[in-house]
Amino acid sequence: MDAQLLAFTGVAAGMVALPGADFTVVVRNALASRRSGVVTALGVAGGLLVHTALAVAGLAAVLVTMPVLFRTVQLLGGAYVLWLGLSALFAWRRRPAEADRTAQPEAGPVQKELGRSLRQGFLTNALNPKAPVLFLSLLPQFVPDGQPPLPRTLLLAAVVVVLALIWFPAVALLVDRLGRWLRRPRTARAIEGGSGAALTALGLVLVTGPLLR
């Protein structure tokens, strides 16, 4: 394995593992059930697949050079993350700290629950406006001189998606493993309130912040 690919793998691993909206949504859904957490993680990886495919195809460059389109994506992403955060905060306010029912996922069809988890993971990542800029600026740095760019960028994109498929399900499984403690009424309520506040803050930054370029 060449040195540039090893270096990129290290950079990409740090990028994937960096706590953010993806991490918060995976943890929050994993508290409901292991299955929901893992499916949310798969949705996040699906969102990364979209971003890497756009970067490889060069479409991310179009997005970056069109401020109106970029701002639209930024607002959509921010609004969605903000909605997730506010939903978590409303649930936190409604939930008594002493209610043992917080340890159990809500009743309902499993298929509907998993579909919602997959959608949340996918949209949280796919609507992240920073990702196209990040991939567009990062991938070309690790294409050796004289090597065809398309096969190399495809390989680099695959590395990012594989890392996400390892990291986020691992986070979901770890949360589930610690579930007996994390799902205690007071602990679960604190985590839900904290995740809601974090997602709300991230959404507000994206919606009200300046154009990210």
N, C-alpha and C. Protein backbone atom coordinates (compact mmCIF):
# COMPACT_ATOMS: atom_id res chain seq x y z
N MET A 1 0.86 -1.20 0.00
CA MET A 1 0.00 0.00 0.00
C MET A 1 0.89 1.24 0.00
N ASP A 2 0.63 2.19 -0.89
CA ASP A 2 1.50 3.36 -1.00
C ASP A 2 1.29 4.32 0.16
N ALA A 3 2.31 5.17 0.36
CA ALA A 3 2.31 6.08 1.50
C ALA A 3 1.16 7.08 1.44
N GLN A 4 0.83 7.54 0.24
CA GLN A 4 -0.25 8.53 0.12
C GLN A 4 -1.59 7.93 0.51
N LEU A 5 -1.80 6.68 0.14
CA LEU A 5 -3.07 6.04 0.49
C LEU A 5 -3.16 5.82 2.00
N LEU A 6 -2.03 5.45 2.62
CA LEU A 6 -2.01 5.30 4.07
C LEU A 6 -2.29 6.63 4.76
N ALA A 7 -1.67 7.69 4.24
CA ALA A 7 -1.89 9.01 4.82
C ALA A 7 -3.34 9.43 4.68
N PHE A 8 -3.91 9.19 3.51
CA PHE A 8 -5.31 9.55 3.29
C PHE A 8 -6.23 8.78 4.22
N THR A 9 -5.92 7.49 4.42
CA THR A 9 -6.75 6.66 5.31
C THR A 9 -6.75 7.24 6.72
N GLY A 10 -5.58 7.70 7.18
CA GLY A 10 -5.51 8.31 8.51
C GLY A 10 -6.31 9.60 8.59
N VAL A 11 -6.18 10.45 7.57
CA VAL A 11 -6.93 11.71 7.54
C VAL A 11 -8.43 11.43 7.48
N ALA A 12 -8.82 10.50 6.62
CA ALA A 12 -10.24 10.18 6.47
C ALA A 12 -10.82 9.58 7.74
N ALA A 13 -10.02 8.75 8.43
CA ALA A 13 -10.50 8.15 9.68
C ALA A 13 -10.78 9.24 10.72
N GLY A 14 -9.88 10.20 10.82
CA GLY A 14 -10.11 11.31 11.75
C GLY A 14 -11.32 12.13 11.37
N MET A 15 -11.51 12.33 10.07
CA MET A 15 -12.64 13.10 9.57
C MET A 15 -13.97 12.39 9.88
N VAL A 16 -13.99 11.07 9.66
CA VAL A 16 -15.21 10.31 9.91
C VAL A 16 -15.54 10.25 11.40
N ALA A 17 -14.49 10.09 12.22
CA ALA A 17 -14.70 9.91 13.67
C ALA A 17 -14.97 11.22 14.40
N LEU A 18 -14.75 12.35 13.75
CA LEU A 18 -14.95 13.64 14.41
C LEU A 18 -16.42 13.79 14.82
N PRO A 19 -16.69 14.03 16.10
CA PRO A 19 -18.09 14.15 16.53
C PRO A 19 -18.80 15.31 15.83
N GLY A 20 -20.02 15.06 15.44
CA GLY A 20 -20.82 16.06 14.78
C GLY A 20 -22.27 15.61 14.74
N ALA A 21 -23.02 16.12 13.78
CA ALA A 21 -24.43 15.76 13.68
C ALA A 21 -24.61 14.27 13.43
N ASP A 22 -23.78 13.69 12.56
CA ASP A 22 -23.89 12.25 12.26
C ASP A 22 -23.74 11.43 13.54
N PHE A 23 -22.69 11.72 14.28
CA PHE A 23 -22.41 10.99 15.52
C PHE A 23 -23.57 11.13 16.51
N THR A 24 -24.08 12.35 16.63
CA THR A 24 -25.15 12.61 17.59
C THR A 24 -26.42 11.85 17.24
N VAL A 25 -26.76 11.84 15.96
CA VAL A 25 -27.98 11.14 15.53
C VAL A 25 -27.84 9.63 15.72
N VAL A 26 -26.66 9.08 15.42
CA VAL A 26 -26.44 7.65 15.62
C VAL A 26 -26.58 7.28 17.09
N VAL A 27 -25.96 8.06 17.97
CA VAL A 27 -26.03 7.78 19.41
C VAL A 27 -27.47 7.88 19.90
N ARG A 28 -28.16 8.91 19.49
CA ARG A 28 -29.54 9.11 19.95
C ARG A 28 -30.44 7.95 19.52
N ASN A 29 -30.31 7.50 18.28
CA ASN A 29 -31.16 6.41 17.82
C ASN A 29 -30.73 5.07 18.39
N ALA A 30 -29.43 4.91 18.67
CA ALA A 30 -28.96 3.67 19.27
C ALA A 30 -29.49 3.51 20.68
N LEU A 31 -29.81 4.62 21.35
CA LEU A 31 -30.41 4.53 22.67
C LEU A 31 -31.82 3.94 22.60
N ALA A 32 -32.49 4.15 21.47
CA ALA A 32 -33.83 3.57 21.30
C ALA A 32 -33.72 2.07 21.10
N SER A 33 -32.80 1.65 20.23
CA SER A 33 -32.56 0.22 20.02
C SER A 33 -31.28 0.05 19.22
N ARG A 34 -30.64 -1.11 19.38
CA ARG A 34 -29.43 -1.39 18.62
C ARG A 34 -29.71 -1.36 17.14
N ARG A 35 -30.84 -1.93 16.74
CA ARG A 35 -31.18 -1.99 15.33
C ARG A 35 -31.34 -0.59 14.74
N SER A 36 -31.99 0.30 15.45
CA SER A 36 -32.16 1.66 14.97
C SER A 36 -30.82 2.37 14.83
N GLY A 37 -29.92 2.16 15.80
CA GLY A 37 -28.61 2.78 15.74
C GLY A 37 -27.80 2.31 14.55
N VAL A 38 -27.81 0.99 14.30
CA VAL A 38 -27.04 0.44 13.18
C VAL A 38 -27.62 0.91 11.85
N VAL A 39 -28.94 0.93 11.73
CA VAL A 39 -29.57 1.38 10.49
C VAL A 39 -29.29 2.86 10.26
N THR A 40 -29.31 3.66 11.32
CA THR A 40 -28.95 5.07 11.19
C THR A 40 -27.52 5.21 10.69
N ALA A 41 -26.62 4.38 11.21
CA ALA A 41 -25.22 4.40 10.78
C ALA A 41 -25.11 4.06 9.29
N LEU A 42 -25.90 3.11 8.83
CA LEU A 42 -25.89 2.76 7.41
C LEU A 42 -26.40 3.94 6.57
N GLY A 43 -27.38 4.66 7.10
CA GLY A 43 -27.87 5.84 6.40
C GLY A 43 -26.80 6.92 6.28
N VAL A 44 -26.01 7.11 7.34
CA VAL A 44 -24.90 8.07 7.29
C VAL A 44 -23.90 7.67 6.22
N ALA A 45 -23.56 6.39 6.16
CA ALA A 45 -22.64 5.91 5.14
C ALA A 45 -23.21 6.13 3.74
N GLY A 46 -24.52 5.98 3.60
CA GLY A 46 -25.16 6.25 2.32
C GLY A 46 -25.04 7.71 1.92
N GLY A 47 -25.16 8.61 2.90
CA GLY A 47 -24.97 10.03 2.62
C GLY A 47 -23.55 10.32 2.18
N LEU A 48 -22.57 9.70 2.83
CA LEU A 48 -21.18 9.86 2.43
C LEU A 48 -20.95 9.35 1.02
N LEU A 49 -21.63 8.27 0.67
CA LEU A 49 -21.51 7.73 -0.68
C LEU A 49 -21.97 8.75 -1.72
N VAL A 50 -23.04 9.48 -1.40
CA VAL A 50 -23.53 10.53 -2.30
C VAL A 50 -22.46 11.61 -2.47
N HIS A 51 -21.88 12.06 -1.36
CA HIS A 51 -20.89 13.14 -1.43
C HIS A 51 -19.64 12.71 -2.20
N THR A 52 -19.17 11.50 -1.94
CA THR A 52 -17.97 11.05 -2.64
C THR A 52 -18.25 10.85 -4.12
N ALA A 53 -19.44 10.36 -4.44
CA ALA A 53 -19.79 10.19 -5.85
C ALA A 53 -19.86 11.53 -6.57
N LEU A 54 -20.42 12.54 -5.91
CA LEU A 54 -20.48 13.87 -6.50
C LEU A 54 -19.09 14.45 -6.71
N ALA A 55 -18.21 14.23 -5.72
CA ALA A 55 -16.85 14.75 -5.85
C ALA A 55 -16.13 14.08 -7.00
N VAL A 56 -16.27 12.76 -7.11
CA VAL A 56 -15.62 12.03 -8.19
C VAL A 56 -16.16 12.48 -9.55
N ALA A 57 -17.46 12.71 -9.61
CA ALA A 57 -18.07 13.13 -10.88
C ALA A 57 -17.79 14.59 -11.21
N GLY A 58 -17.28 15.33 -10.25
CA GLY A 58 -17.00 16.74 -10.49
C GLY A 58 -18.19 17.65 -10.25
N LEU A 59 -19.32 17.07 -9.85
CA LEU A 59 -20.51 17.89 -9.64
C LEU A 59 -20.37 18.78 -8.42
N ALA A 60 -19.54 18.36 -7.47
CA ALA A 60 -19.34 19.18 -6.29
C ALA A 60 -18.73 20.52 -6.66
N ALA A 61 -17.91 20.52 -7.71
CA ALA A 61 -17.30 21.78 -8.15
C ALA A 61 -18.37 22.76 -8.62
N VAL A 62 -19.39 22.23 -9.30
CA VAL A 62 -20.49 23.08 -9.75
C VAL A 62 -21.22 23.68 -8.56
N LEU A 63 -21.45 22.86 -7.54
CA LEU A 63 -22.15 23.32 -6.35
C LEU A 63 -21.38 24.44 -5.67
N VAL A 64 -20.06 24.28 -5.58
CA VAL A 64 -19.23 25.27 -4.89
C VAL A 64 -19.18 26.58 -5.66
N THR A 65 -19.22 26.51 -6.98
CA THR A 65 -19.09 27.73 -7.79
C THR A 65 -20.43 28.43 -8.01
N MET A 66 -21.51 27.88 -7.50
CA MET A 66 -22.82 28.51 -7.61
C MET A 66 -23.32 28.85 -6.21
N PRO A 67 -23.04 30.07 -5.74
CA PRO A 67 -23.38 30.44 -4.36
C PRO A 67 -24.85 30.24 -3.99
N VAL A 68 -25.75 30.54 -4.92
CA VAL A 68 -27.18 30.42 -4.61
C VAL A 68 -27.54 28.97 -4.35
N LEU A 69 -27.07 28.07 -5.22
CA LEU A 69 -27.35 26.65 -5.04
C LEU A 69 -26.70 26.13 -3.77
N PHE A 70 -25.47 26.57 -3.53
CA PHE A 70 -24.77 26.13 -2.32
C PHE A 70 -25.50 26.59 -1.07
N ARG A 71 -25.95 27.85 -1.07
CA ARG A 71 -26.67 28.38 0.09
C ARG A 71 -27.99 27.65 0.29
N THR A 72 -28.63 27.25 -0.81
CA THR A 72 -29.88 26.50 -0.70
C THR A 72 -29.65 25.17 0.00
N VAL A 73 -28.59 24.47 -0.41
CA VAL A 73 -28.25 23.20 0.23
C VAL A 73 -27.90 23.44 1.71
N GLN A 74 -27.18 24.52 1.97
CA GLN A 74 -26.81 24.85 3.34
C GLN A 74 -28.05 25.08 4.21
N LEU A 75 -29.01 25.81 3.68
CA LEU A 75 -30.23 26.09 4.44
C LEU A 75 -31.05 24.82 4.66
N LEU A 76 -31.15 23.99 3.62
CA LEU A 76 -31.89 22.74 3.76
C LEU A 76 -31.26 21.85 4.82
N GLY A 77 -29.93 21.72 4.75
CA GLY A 77 -29.24 20.90 5.73
C GLY A 77 -29.38 21.44 7.14
N GLY A 78 -29.22 22.76 7.27
CA GLY A 78 -29.36 23.37 8.58
C GLY A 78 -30.76 23.22 9.14
N ALA A 79 -31.76 23.41 8.28
CA ALA A 79 -33.15 23.28 8.72
C ALA A 79 -33.46 21.86 9.18
N TYR A 80 -32.92 20.87 8.48
CA TYR A 80 -33.18 19.49 8.87
C TYR A 80 -32.53 19.15 10.21
N VAL A 81 -31.26 19.55 10.36
CA VAL A 81 -30.56 19.29 11.63
C VAL A 81 -31.25 20.04 12.77
N LEU A 82 -31.68 21.27 12.49
CA LEU A 82 -32.40 22.06 13.50
C LEU A 82 -33.70 21.37 13.90
N TRP A 83 -34.40 20.84 12.93
CA TRP A 83 -35.66 20.12 13.22
C TRP A 83 -35.39 18.90 14.09
N LEU A 84 -34.33 18.15 13.80
CA LEU A 84 -33.99 16.99 14.62
C LEU A 84 -33.68 17.42 16.06
N GLY A 85 -32.93 18.52 16.18
CA GLY A 85 -32.58 18.99 17.51
C GLY A 85 -33.78 19.45 18.31
N LEU A 86 -34.65 20.23 17.68
CA LEU A 86 -35.85 20.71 18.38
C LEU A 86 -36.78 19.56 18.74
N SER A 87 -36.87 18.56 17.86
CA SER A 87 -37.70 17.39 18.17
C SER A 87 -37.18 16.68 19.40
N ALA A 88 -35.84 16.55 19.49
CA ALA A 88 -35.25 15.90 20.66
C ALA A 88 -35.49 16.71 21.92
N LEU A 89 -35.40 18.02 21.81
CA LEU A 89 -35.63 18.88 22.99
C LEU A 89 -37.08 18.82 23.44
N PHE A 90 -38.02 18.78 22.50
CA PHE A 90 -39.42 18.68 22.87
C PHE A 90 -39.70 17.34 23.56
N ALA A 91 -39.09 16.26 23.03
CA ALA A 91 -39.25 14.96 23.66
C ALA A 91 -38.64 14.96 25.06
N TRP A 92 -37.51 15.63 25.20
CA TRP A 92 -36.83 15.72 26.50
C TRP A 92 -37.70 16.46 27.52
N ARG A 93 -38.35 17.53 27.09
CA ARG A 93 -39.20 18.30 28.00
C ARG A 93 -40.43 17.49 28.43
N ARG A 94 -40.94 16.68 27.51
CA ARG A 94 -42.16 15.91 27.82
C ARG A 94 -41.86 14.71 28.70
N ARG A 95 -40.62 14.26 28.74
CA ARG A 95 -40.28 13.00 29.38
C ARG A 95 -39.88 13.22 30.84
N PRO A 96 -40.62 12.69 31.79
CA PRO A 96 -40.23 12.82 33.20
C PRO A 96 -38.92 12.08 33.45
N ALA A 97 -38.09 12.63 34.30
CA ALA A 97 -36.80 12.01 34.60
C ALA A 97 -36.95 10.66 35.27
N GLU A 98 -38.07 10.45 35.97
CA GLU A 98 -38.26 9.20 36.71
C GLU A 98 -38.97 8.13 35.91
N ALA A 99 -39.36 8.43 34.67
CA ALA A 99 -40.17 7.47 33.92
C ALA A 99 -39.33 6.31 33.43
N ASP A 100 -39.60 5.12 33.94
CA ASP A 100 -38.87 3.93 33.52
C ASP A 100 -39.11 3.60 32.07
N ARG A 101 -40.17 4.16 31.50
CA ARG A 101 -40.48 3.85 30.11
C ARG A 101 -39.44 4.39 29.16
N THR A 102 -38.57 5.31 29.61
CA THR A 102 -37.54 5.85 28.73
C THR A 102 -36.55 4.79 28.33
N ALA A 103 -36.50 3.70 29.08
CA ALA A 103 -35.55 2.65 28.75
C ALA A 103 -36.02 1.81 27.59
N GLN A 104 -37.24 1.97 27.17
CA GLN A 104 -37.80 1.15 26.11
C GLN A 104 -38.08 1.98 24.88
N PRO A 105 -37.85 1.43 23.67
CA PRO A 105 -38.21 2.15 22.46
C PRO A 105 -39.71 2.26 22.33
N GLU A 106 -40.15 3.27 21.61
CA GLU A 106 -41.58 3.44 21.41
C GLU A 106 -42.16 2.26 20.63
N ALA A 107 -43.38 1.93 20.97
CA ALA A 107 -44.04 0.84 20.26
C ALA A 107 -44.41 1.28 18.86
N GLY A 108 -44.40 0.34 17.95
CA GLY A 108 -44.75 0.68 16.57
C GLY A 108 -44.14 -0.34 15.64
N PRO A 109 -44.56 -0.35 14.37
CA PRO A 109 -44.02 -1.30 13.41
C PRO A 109 -42.51 -1.14 13.28
N VAL A 110 -41.81 -2.28 13.30
CA VAL A 110 -40.35 -2.26 13.20
C VAL A 110 -39.91 -1.65 11.88
N GLN A 111 -40.61 -1.99 10.81
CA GLN A 111 -40.23 -1.48 9.50
C GLN A 111 -40.30 0.04 9.44
N LYS A 112 -41.32 0.61 10.07
CA LYS A 112 -41.46 2.07 10.09
C LYS A 112 -40.34 2.71 10.89
N GLU A 113 -40.01 2.09 12.02
CA GLU A 113 -38.94 2.61 12.87
C GLU A 113 -37.60 2.60 12.14
N LEU A 114 -37.31 1.49 11.45
CA LEU A 114 -36.03 1.37 10.75
C LEU A 114 -35.98 2.31 9.55
N GLY A 115 -37.10 2.48 8.88
CA GLY A 115 -37.13 3.41 7.75
C GLY A 115 -36.87 4.83 8.20
N ARG A 116 -37.43 5.21 9.35
CA ARG A 116 -37.19 6.54 9.88
C ARG A 116 -35.73 6.71 10.28
N SER A 117 -35.15 5.69 10.87
CA SER A 117 -33.74 5.76 11.28
C SER A 117 -32.82 5.87 10.07
N LEU A 118 -33.10 5.09 9.04
CA LEU A 118 -32.28 5.14 7.83
C LEU A 118 -32.37 6.52 7.18
N ARG A 119 -33.57 7.06 7.13
CA ARG A 119 -33.78 8.38 6.52
C ARG A 119 -33.07 9.47 7.32
N GLN A 120 -33.14 9.40 8.64
CA GLN A 120 -32.47 10.40 9.46
C GLN A 120 -30.96 10.38 9.26
N GLY A 121 -30.38 9.18 9.25
CA GLY A 121 -28.94 9.07 9.05
C GLY A 121 -28.52 9.58 7.68
N PHE A 122 -29.28 9.21 6.66
CA PHE A 122 -28.93 9.61 5.30
C PHE A 122 -29.04 11.12 5.11
N LEU A 123 -30.17 11.68 5.52
CA LEU A 123 -30.39 13.12 5.29
C LEU A 123 -29.45 13.98 6.13
N THR A 124 -29.16 13.54 7.35
CA THR A 124 -28.25 14.31 8.19
C THR A 124 -26.90 14.48 7.52
N ASN A 125 -26.42 13.42 6.86
CA ASN A 125 -25.13 13.50 6.19
C ASN A 125 -25.24 14.11 4.79
N ALA A 126 -26.24 13.66 4.03
CA ALA A 126 -26.34 14.10 2.64
C ALA A 126 -26.61 15.60 2.53
N LEU A 127 -27.28 16.20 3.51
CA LEU A 127 -27.59 17.62 3.47
C LEU A 127 -26.54 18.48 4.18
N ASN A 128 -25.41 17.86 4.52
CA ASN A 128 -24.32 18.62 5.15
C ASN A 128 -23.61 19.44 4.07
N PRO A 129 -23.71 20.78 4.09
CA PRO A 129 -23.15 21.59 3.01
C PRO A 129 -21.63 21.66 3.03
N LYS A 130 -21.01 21.30 4.15
CA LYS A 130 -19.55 21.35 4.20
C LYS A 130 -18.90 20.18 3.47
N ALA A 131 -19.62 19.07 3.35
CA ALA A 131 -19.03 17.86 2.80
C ALA A 131 -18.56 18.02 1.36
N PRO A 132 -19.34 18.63 0.44
CA PRO A 132 -18.83 18.77 -0.94
C PRO A 132 -17.52 19.54 -1.01
N VAL A 133 -17.40 20.61 -0.24
CA VAL A 133 -16.16 21.38 -0.24
C VAL A 133 -15.01 20.55 0.30
N LEU A 134 -15.30 19.81 1.38
CA LEU A 134 -14.26 19.00 2.01
C LEU A 134 -13.74 17.94 1.05
N PHE A 135 -14.64 17.20 0.44
CA PHE A 135 -14.21 16.14 -0.46
C PHE A 135 -13.54 16.70 -1.71
N LEU A 136 -14.07 17.79 -2.22
CA LEU A 136 -13.51 18.39 -3.43
C LEU A 136 -12.09 18.89 -3.18
N SER A 137 -11.83 19.39 -1.99
CA SER A 137 -10.49 19.90 -1.68
C SER A 137 -9.55 18.79 -1.20
N LEU A 138 -10.11 17.73 -0.61
CA LEU A 138 -9.28 16.68 -0.01
C LEU A 138 -8.83 15.62 -1.02
N LEU A 139 -9.77 15.10 -1.81
CA LEU A 139 -9.44 13.98 -2.68
C LEU A 139 -8.29 14.27 -3.65
N PRO A 140 -8.28 15.43 -4.34
CA PRO A 140 -7.19 15.66 -5.30
C PRO A 140 -5.80 15.70 -4.68
N GLN A 141 -5.72 16.00 -3.38
CA GLN A 141 -4.41 16.08 -2.72
C GLN A 141 -3.71 14.74 -2.65
N PHE A 142 -4.46 13.66 -2.81
CA PHE A 142 -3.89 12.33 -2.66
C PHE A 142 -3.90 11.54 -3.97
N VAL A 143 -3.93 12.25 -5.07
CA VAL A 143 -3.80 11.63 -6.40
C VAL A 143 -2.37 11.86 -6.87
N PRO A 144 -1.54 10.81 -6.94
CA PRO A 144 -0.14 10.99 -7.35
C PRO A 144 -0.02 11.58 -8.75
N ASP A 145 1.03 12.34 -8.97
CA ASP A 145 1.29 12.91 -10.29
C ASP A 145 1.45 11.81 -11.33
N GLY A 146 0.81 12.03 -12.45
CA GLY A 146 0.93 11.08 -13.55
C GLY A 146 -0.01 9.92 -13.48
N GLN A 147 -0.81 9.83 -12.40
CA GLN A 147 -1.75 8.72 -12.27
C GLN A 147 -3.13 9.19 -12.70
N PRO A 148 -3.89 8.35 -13.43
CA PRO A 148 -5.24 8.74 -13.84
C PRO A 148 -6.09 9.10 -12.62
N PRO A 149 -6.72 10.28 -12.63
CA PRO A 149 -7.43 10.73 -11.42
C PRO A 149 -8.69 9.93 -11.10
N LEU A 150 -9.42 9.46 -12.11
CA LEU A 150 -10.70 8.81 -11.83
C LEU A 150 -10.56 7.53 -11.01
N PRO A 151 -9.71 6.57 -11.42
CA PRO A 151 -9.59 5.35 -10.59
C PRO A 151 -9.11 5.65 -9.17
N ARG A 152 -8.20 6.62 -9.07
CA ARG A 152 -7.65 6.94 -7.75
C ARG A 152 -8.71 7.58 -6.85
N THR A 153 -9.45 8.53 -7.38
CA THR A 153 -10.48 9.18 -6.56
C THR A 153 -11.60 8.19 -6.20
N LEU A 154 -11.88 7.25 -7.09
CA LEU A 154 -12.86 6.21 -6.75
C LEU A 154 -12.37 5.37 -5.57
N LEU A 155 -11.08 5.05 -5.58
CA LEU A 155 -10.50 4.28 -4.48
C LEU A 155 -10.56 5.08 -3.18
N LEU A 156 -10.21 6.35 -3.24
CA LEU A 156 -10.24 7.19 -2.04
C LEU A 156 -11.66 7.35 -1.51
N ALA A 157 -12.61 7.51 -2.43
CA ALA A 157 -14.01 7.61 -2.02
C ALA A 157 -14.47 6.33 -1.34
N ALA A 158 -14.04 5.19 -1.88
CA ALA A 158 -14.41 3.91 -1.29
C ALA A 158 -13.83 3.77 0.11
N VAL A 159 -12.62 4.28 0.32
CA VAL A 159 -12.00 4.23 1.65
C VAL A 159 -12.85 4.98 2.66
N VAL A 160 -13.33 6.17 2.28
CA VAL A 160 -14.16 6.98 3.19
C VAL A 160 -15.44 6.23 3.56
N VAL A 161 -16.10 5.66 2.57
CA VAL A 161 -17.36 4.97 2.83
C VAL A 161 -17.14 3.73 3.70
N VAL A 162 -16.06 2.98 3.44
CA VAL A 162 -15.76 1.79 4.24
C VAL A 162 -15.48 2.18 5.70
N LEU A 163 -14.72 3.26 5.88
CA LEU A 163 -14.45 3.72 7.24
C LEU A 163 -15.73 4.09 7.98
N ALA A 164 -16.65 4.74 7.25
CA ALA A 164 -17.94 5.09 7.86
C ALA A 164 -18.74 3.84 8.21
N LEU A 165 -18.66 2.84 7.34
CA LEU A 165 -19.38 1.59 7.59
C LEU A 165 -18.80 0.82 8.78
N ILE A 166 -17.57 1.12 9.13
CA ILE A 166 -16.95 0.49 10.30
C ILE A 166 -17.22 1.32 11.55
N TRP A 167 -17.02 2.63 11.46
CA TRP A 167 -17.06 3.49 12.64
C TRP A 167 -18.47 3.67 13.19
N PHE A 168 -19.41 4.07 12.36
CA PHE A 168 -20.73 4.42 12.90
C PHE A 168 -21.50 3.21 13.42
N PRO A 169 -21.48 2.05 12.74
CA PRO A 169 -22.10 0.88 13.38
C PRO A 169 -21.40 0.50 14.68
N ALA A 170 -20.08 0.68 14.74
CA ALA A 170 -19.36 0.39 15.99
C ALA A 170 -19.83 1.30 17.11
N VAL A 171 -20.07 2.57 16.80
CA VAL A 171 -20.59 3.50 17.79
C VAL A 171 -21.96 3.04 18.27
N ALA A 172 -22.82 2.65 17.32
CA ALA A 172 -24.16 2.20 17.68
C ALA A 172 -24.11 0.95 18.57
N LEU A 173 -23.22 0.02 18.24
CA LEU A 173 -23.11 -1.21 19.03
C LEU A 173 -22.53 -0.92 20.42
N LEU A 174 -21.60 0.03 20.49
CA LEU A 174 -21.05 0.39 21.80
C LEU A 174 -22.11 1.03 22.69
N VAL A 175 -22.90 1.92 22.10
CA VAL A 175 -23.98 2.55 22.86
C VAL A 175 -24.96 1.49 23.36
N ASP A 176 -25.27 0.53 22.48
CA ASP A 176 -26.19 -0.54 22.88
C ASP A 176 -25.57 -1.40 23.98
N ARG A 177 -24.25 -1.63 23.88
CA ARG A 177 -23.57 -2.45 24.89
C ARG A 177 -23.61 -1.79 26.26
N LEU A 178 -23.51 -0.47 26.24
CA LEU A 178 -23.59 0.29 27.50
C LEU A 178 -25.02 0.69 27.82
N GLY A 179 -25.95 0.08 27.09
CA GLY A 179 -27.35 0.50 27.17
C GLY A 179 -27.95 0.44 28.55
N ARG A 180 -27.58 -0.57 29.34
CA ARG A 180 -28.20 -0.69 30.67
C ARG A 180 -27.95 0.55 31.50
N TRP A 181 -26.74 1.12 31.37
CA TRP A 181 -26.44 2.34 32.11
C TRP A 181 -26.98 3.57 31.37
N LEU A 182 -26.77 3.61 30.05
CA LEU A 182 -27.17 4.79 29.28
C LEU A 182 -28.68 4.97 29.23
N ARG A 183 -29.43 3.85 29.37
CA ARG A 183 -30.88 3.94 29.28
C ARG A 183 -31.55 4.13 30.64
N ARG A 184 -30.77 4.32 31.68
CA ARG A 184 -31.38 4.69 32.96
C ARG A 184 -32.14 6.00 32.76
N PRO A 185 -33.30 6.13 33.39
CA PRO A 185 -34.15 7.30 33.11
C PRO A 185 -33.43 8.63 33.15
N ARG A 186 -32.68 8.88 34.20
CA ARG A 186 -32.02 10.18 34.31
C ARG A 186 -30.90 10.32 33.27
N THR A 187 -30.14 9.25 33.05
CA THR A 187 -29.05 9.30 32.08
C THR A 187 -29.59 9.48 30.67
N ALA A 188 -30.62 8.70 30.33
CA ALA A 188 -31.21 8.80 28.99
C ALA A 188 -31.78 10.19 28.74
N ARG A 189 -32.40 10.74 29.76
CA ARG A 189 -32.98 12.08 29.61
C ARG A 189 -31.88 13.12 29.41
N ALA A 190 -30.77 12.97 30.14
CA ALA A 190 -29.66 13.91 30.00
C ALA A 190 -29.04 13.80 28.60
N ILE A 191 -28.88 12.57 28.11
CA ILE A 191 -28.30 12.38 26.78
C ILE A 191 -29.22 12.95 25.71
N GLU A 192 -30.52 12.70 25.86
CA GLU A 192 -31.45 13.22 24.87
C GLU A 192 -31.46 14.75 24.86
N GLY A 193 -31.43 15.34 26.07
CA GLY A 193 -31.37 16.79 26.14
C GLY A 193 -30.08 17.34 25.55
N GLY A 194 -28.97 16.67 25.86
CA GLY A 194 -27.68 17.13 25.33
C GLY A 194 -27.58 16.99 23.83
N SER A 195 -28.06 15.85 23.30
CA SER A 195 -28.02 15.65 21.85
C SER A 195 -28.96 16.64 21.15
N GLY A 196 -30.11 16.91 21.75
CA GLY A 196 -31.02 17.87 21.17
C GLY A 196 -30.42 19.26 21.12
N ALA A 197 -29.73 19.65 22.22
CA ALA A 197 -29.09 20.96 22.26
C ALA A 197 -27.97 21.05 21.22
N ALA A 198 -27.19 19.97 21.09
CA ALA A 198 -26.08 19.97 20.13
C ALA A 198 -26.59 20.08 18.69
N LEU A 199 -27.62 19.29 18.37
CA LEU A 199 -28.17 19.34 17.01
C LEU A 199 -28.81 20.70 16.73
N THR A 200 -29.49 21.26 17.73
CA THR A 200 -30.11 22.58 17.54
C THR A 200 -29.04 23.63 17.28
N ALA A 201 -27.95 23.58 18.04
CA ALA A 201 -26.86 24.55 17.86
C ALA A 201 -26.24 24.40 16.47
N LEU A 202 -26.00 23.15 16.03
CA LEU A 202 -25.43 22.92 14.70
C LEU A 202 -26.37 23.44 13.62
N GLY A 203 -27.66 23.18 13.78
CA GLY A 203 -28.63 23.66 12.80
C GLY A 203 -28.68 25.17 12.73
N LEU A 204 -28.62 25.82 13.88
CA LEU A 204 -28.64 27.29 13.90
C LEU A 204 -27.40 27.88 13.24
N VAL A 205 -26.24 27.24 13.44
CA VAL A 205 -25.01 27.71 12.81
C VAL A 205 -25.13 27.64 11.28
N LEU A 206 -25.70 26.53 10.80
CA LEU A 206 -25.83 26.36 9.35
C LEU A 206 -26.86 27.32 8.76
N VAL A 207 -27.95 27.54 9.47
CA VAL A 207 -29.03 28.37 8.94
C VAL A 207 -28.68 29.85 9.01
N THR A 208 -28.07 30.27 10.10
CA THR A 208 -27.82 31.70 10.29
C THR A 208 -26.41 32.13 9.95
N GLY A 209 -25.50 31.16 9.78
CA GLY A 209 -24.10 31.50 9.55
C GLY A 209 -23.88 32.04 8.15
N PRO A 210 -22.69 32.61 7.91
CA PRO A 210 -22.35 33.10 6.57
C PRO A 210 -22.17 31.96 5.61
N LEU A 211 -22.15 32.26 4.36
CA LEU A 211 -21.96 31.26 3.32
C LEU A 211 -20.63 30.57 3.52
N LEU A 212 -20.65 29.24 3.61
CA LEU A 212 -19.44 28.48 3.83
C LEU A 212 -18.71 28.26 2.52
N ARG A 213 -17.51 28.79 2.42
CA ARG A 213 -16.76 28.63 1.19
C ARG A 213 -15.31 28.37 1.52
